[in-house]
Amino acid sequence: MLELDLLMRIDISENAKKYILNRFFFRETRDQHMQDNVYLGFTKESRMILLFDGMMHPEF
């Protein structure tokens, strides 16, 4: 599990969301994440990651 220093919800366009999902996700999971909220996270190692609702641990 990643430890995050910061996690914030961001608004991105539908086209940007489609691009991200088409580029980095398998076809089976694309549709289920299309309606999810998108979050920007910064890890302890100063890396930036994008997360969708369905990918996060329930305590977030």
C-alpha atoms as a PDB file:
ATOM      1  CA  MET A   1       0.000   0.000   0.000  1.00  0.00           C
ATOM      2  CA  LEU A   2       1.217   3.498  -0.821  1.00  0.00           C
ATOM      3  CA  GLU A   3       1.613   6.086   1.878  1.00  0.00           C
ATOM      4  CA  LEU A   4       0.341   9.437   0.697  1.00  0.00           C
ATOM      5  CA  ASP A   5       1.378  12.882   1.895  1.00  0.00           C
ATOM      6  CA  LEU A   6      -1.518  14.546   0.115  1.00  0.00           C
ATOM      7  CA  LEU A   7      -4.700  13.368  -1.570  1.00  0.00           C
ATOM      8  CA  MET A   8      -7.123  15.754  -3.255  1.00  0.00           C
ATOM      9  CA  ARG A   9     -10.102  15.369  -5.556  1.00  0.00           C
ATOM     10  CA  ILE A  10      -9.680  17.046  -8.937  1.00  0.00           C
ATOM     11  CA  ASP A  11     -12.105  17.821 -11.748  1.00  0.00           C
ATOM     12  CA  ILE A  12     -10.997  16.786 -15.213  1.00  0.00           C
ATOM     13  CA  SER A  13     -12.881  16.848 -18.496  1.00  0.00           C
ATOM     14  CA  GLU A  14     -14.619  13.763 -19.831  1.00  0.00           C
ATOM     15  CA  ASN A  15     -12.166  13.719 -22.746  1.00  0.00           C
ATOM     16  CA  ALA A  16      -9.173  13.757 -20.395  1.00  0.00           C
ATOM     17  CA  LYS A  17     -10.700  10.956 -18.338  1.00  0.00           C
ATOM     18  CA  LYS A  18     -11.332   8.903 -21.498  1.00  0.00           C
ATOM     19  CA  TYR A  19      -7.737   9.447 -22.634  1.00  0.00           C
ATOM     20  CA  ILE A  20      -6.302   8.316 -19.294  1.00  0.00           C
ATOM     21  CA  LEU A  21      -8.552   5.257 -19.131  1.00  0.00           C
ATOM     22  CA  ASN A  22      -7.891   4.257 -22.751  1.00  0.00           C
ATOM     23  CA  ARG A  23      -4.147   4.740 -22.389  1.00  0.00           C
ATOM     24  CA  PHE A  24      -3.503   2.993 -19.086  1.00  0.00           C
ATOM     25  CA  PHE A  25      -6.383   0.604 -18.307  1.00  0.00           C
ATOM     26  CA  PHE A  26      -7.620  -2.708 -19.639  1.00  0.00           C
ATOM     27  CA  ARG A  27     -10.860  -2.621 -21.613  1.00  0.00           C
ATOM     28  CA  GLU A  28     -12.713  -4.525 -18.876  1.00  0.00           C
ATOM     29  CA  THR A  29     -12.065  -1.821 -16.260  1.00  0.00           C
ATOM     30  CA  ARG A  30     -12.436   1.324 -18.390  1.00  0.00           C
ATOM     31  CA  ASP A  31     -16.217   1.548 -18.251  1.00  0.00           C
ATOM     32  CA  GLN A  32     -16.440   0.976 -14.517  1.00  0.00           C
ATOM     33  CA  HIS A  33     -14.044   3.873 -13.781  1.00  0.00           C
ATOM     34  CA  MET A  34     -15.593   6.376 -16.226  1.00  0.00           C
ATOM     35  CA  GLN A  35     -18.086   7.638 -13.624  1.00  0.00           C
ATOM     36  CA  ASP A  36     -15.593   7.624 -10.729  1.00  0.00           C
ATOM     37  CA  ASN A  37     -14.149  10.713  -9.092  1.00  0.00           C
ATOM     38  CA  VAL A  38     -10.489  11.376  -9.842  1.00  0.00           C
ATOM     39  CA  TYR A  39      -7.912  12.129  -7.156  1.00  0.00           C
ATOM     40  CA  LEU A  40      -4.381  13.473  -7.319  1.00  0.00           C
ATOM     41  CA  GLY A  41      -2.046  11.983  -4.750  1.00  0.00           C
ATOM     42  CA  PHE A  42       1.516  12.742  -3.722  1.00  0.00           C
ATOM     43  CA  THR A  43       3.519   9.908  -2.195  1.00  0.00           C
ATOM     44  CA  LYS A  44       6.173  10.079   0.513  1.00  0.00           C
ATOM     45  CA  GLU A  45       8.759   9.666  -2.273  1.00  0.00           C
ATOM     46  CA  SER A  46       7.472  12.862  -3.983  1.00  0.00           C
ATOM     47  CA  ARG A  47       5.774  10.968  -6.797  1.00  0.00           C
ATOM     48  CA  MET A  48       2.480  12.108  -8.249  1.00  0.00           C
ATOM     49  CA  ILE A  49      -0.272   9.573  -8.981  1.00  0.00           C
ATOM     50  CA  LEU A  50      -3.834   9.675 -10.270  1.00  0.00           C
ATOM     51  CA  LEU A  51      -6.401   7.501  -8.520  1.00  0.00           C
ATOM     52  CA  PHE A  52     -10.002   6.684  -9.307  1.00  0.00           C
ATOM     53  CA  ASP A  53     -12.644   5.870  -6.650  1.00  0.00           C
ATOM     54  CA  GLY A  54     -12.645   2.146  -7.398  1.00  0.00           C
ATOM     55  CA  MET A  55      -8.878   1.857  -6.937  1.00  0.00           C
ATOM     56  CA  MET A  56      -8.624   3.243  -3.435  1.00  0.00           C
ATOM     57  CA  HIS A  57      -8.740   1.485  -0.115  1.00  0.00           C
ATOM     58  CA  PRO A  58     -12.151   1.986   1.572  1.00  0.00           C
ATOM     59  CA  GLU A  59     -10.669   4.056   4.428  1.00  0.00           C
ATOM     60  CA  PHE A  60      -9.929   6.873   1.999  1.00  0.00           C
END
